[in-house]
Protein backbone atom coordinates (compact mmCIF):
# COMPACT_ATOMS: atom_id res chain seq x y z
CA UNK A 1 -10.07 3.33 24.51
CA UNK A 2 -11.12 0.23 22.59
CA UNK A 3 -8.70 -1.69 20.39
CA UNK A 4 -10.58 -0.47 17.31
CA UNK A 5 -10.34 3.16 18.46
CA UNK A 6 -6.64 2.76 19.18
CA UNK A 7 -6.03 1.20 15.75
CA UNK A 8 -8.03 3.93 14.01
CA UNK A 9 -6.15 6.68 15.83
CA UNK A 10 -2.77 5.13 14.95
CA UNK A 11 -3.67 4.59 11.28
CA UNK A 12 -5.08 8.07 10.79
CA UNK A 13 -2.39 9.94 12.78
CA UNK A 14 0.66 8.67 10.90
CA UNK A 15 1.42 8.57 7.17
CA UNK A 16 2.96 5.07 7.16
CA UNK A 17 1.90 2.39 9.66
CA UNK A 18 2.84 -1.27 9.64
CA UNK A 19 1.11 -3.70 11.98
CA UNK A 20 3.57 -6.57 12.27
CA UNK A 21 4.84 -9.42 14.40
CA UNK A 22 7.88 -8.14 16.26
CA UNK A 23 9.63 -4.84 15.68
CA UNK A 24 11.42 -3.26 12.74
CA UNK A 25 14.73 -4.18 14.39
CA UNK A 26 13.61 -7.70 15.34
CA UNK A 27 10.79 -9.02 13.14
CA UNK A 28 9.27 -12.20 14.55
CA UNK A 29 8.14 -13.69 11.23
CA UNK A 30 9.46 -13.77 7.69
CA UNK A 31 6.53 -11.85 6.24
CA UNK A 32 6.98 -9.00 8.72
CA UNK A 33 10.71 -8.97 7.99
CA UNK A 34 10.06 -8.79 4.26
CA UNK A 35 7.55 -5.96 4.77
CA UNK A 36 10.19 -3.94 6.64
CA UNK A 37 12.76 -4.62 3.88
CA UNK A 38 10.30 -3.35 1.27
CA UNK A 39 9.60 -0.16 3.24
CA UNK A 40 13.35 0.44 3.62
CA UNK A 41 13.82 -0.11 -0.12
CA UNK A 42 11.09 2.50 -0.71
CA UNK A 43 12.98 4.88 1.60
CA UNK A 44 9.94 5.24 3.84
CA UNK A 45 10.44 7.86 6.53
CA UNK A 46 8.83 7.98 9.97
CA UNK A 47 7.31 4.51 9.71
CA UNK A 48 5.24 3.66 12.77
CA UNK A 49 5.31 -0.04 13.55
CA UNK A 50 2.91 -1.78 15.91
CA UNK A 51 3.98 -5.12 17.36
CA UNK A 52 0.74 -7.10 17.48
CA UNK A 53 2.40 -9.72 19.68
CA UNK A 54 2.41 -7.20 22.55
CA UNK A 55 -1.39 -6.95 22.71
CA UNK A 56 -3.83 -9.77 21.87
CA UNK A 57 -6.69 -7.26 21.46
CA UNK A 58 -4.74 -5.30 18.84
CA UNK A 59 -3.67 -8.54 17.15
CA UNK A 60 -7.29 -9.62 16.71
CA UNK A 61 -8.62 -6.09 16.29
CA UNK A 62 -6.42 -5.25 13.31
CA UNK A 63 -7.73 -8.29 11.44
CA UNK A 64 -11.29 -7.09 12.02
CA UNK A 65 -10.48 -3.42 11.33
CA UNK A 66 -9.29 -4.16 7.79
CA UNK A 67 -11.31 -7.32 7.31
CA UNK A 68 -7.98 -8.92 6.44
CA UNK A 69 -6.98 -12.17 8.16
CA UNK A 70 -3.19 -11.93 8.08
CA UNK A 71 -0.38 -9.85 9.50
CA UNK A 72 1.60 -7.77 8.51
CA UNK A 73 -0.76 -5.04 7.36
CA UNK A 74 0.37 -1.78 5.77
CA UNK A 75 -1.50 1.53 5.93
CA UNK A 76 -0.40 4.61 3.97
CA UNK A 77 -2.16 7.90 4.62
CA UNK A 78 -4.92 6.07 6.48
CA UNK A 79 -5.62 3.63 3.65
CA UNK A 80 -5.16 -0.12 4.05
CA UNK A 81 -2.94 -1.39 1.24
CA UNK A 82 -2.50 -5.05 2.14
CA UNK A 83 -0.05 -7.56 3.46
CA UNK A 84 3.37 -8.76 2.39
CA UNK A 85 2.29 -10.26 -0.95
CA UNK A 86 0.45 -7.11 -2.03
CA UNK A 87 3.34 -4.95 -0.83
CA UNK A 88 5.71 -7.05 -2.94
CA UNK A 89 3.50 -6.72 -6.05
CA UNK A 90 3.10 -2.97 -5.53
CA UNK A 91 6.86 -2.58 -5.02
CA UNK A 92 7.66 -4.55 -8.18
CA UNK A 93 5.26 -2.40 -10.21
CA UNK A 94 6.61 0.87 -8.73
CA UNK A 95 3.23 1.81 -7.25
CA UNK A 96 4.36 1.48 -3.64
CA UNK A 97 7.39 3.73 -4.15
CA UNK A 98 5.10 6.50 -5.44
CA UNK A 99 2.73 6.18 -2.47
CA UNK A 100 5.61 6.18 0.02
CA UNK A 101 7.23 9.18 -1.68
CA UNK A 102 3.95 11.09 -1.35
CA UNK A 103 3.65 10.06 2.31
CA UNK A 104 7.26 11.17 2.93
CA UNK A 105 6.49 14.54 1.30
CA UNK A 106 3.43 15.01 3.52
CA UNK A 107 5.53 14.56 6.68
CA UNK A 108 8.03 17.17 5.49
CA UNK A 109 5.34 19.78 4.94
CA UNK A 110 4.06 19.51 8.52
């Protein structure tokens, strides 16, 4: 399976996916750490995290997949939302909480 196929399968198979540096327990950069804090504040459930430092092909592939040069990258219900700055703006406006709540509800109905 190519990196792009693997990324696509991950993004479309899980309601909330964060491609990040490190893990949720041990983020390896401040932006990834902030992204995890925001998701926790939104009470996101069943977040799938992908540590891009574990696989150089995924690290490069995710940038190409979204045509977005930076990591972390957040996907909700298969849709690319953005990185840490966009997550922060969406959280401050309340938009991210609504999207996460809807994603949480979709996992409960399965």
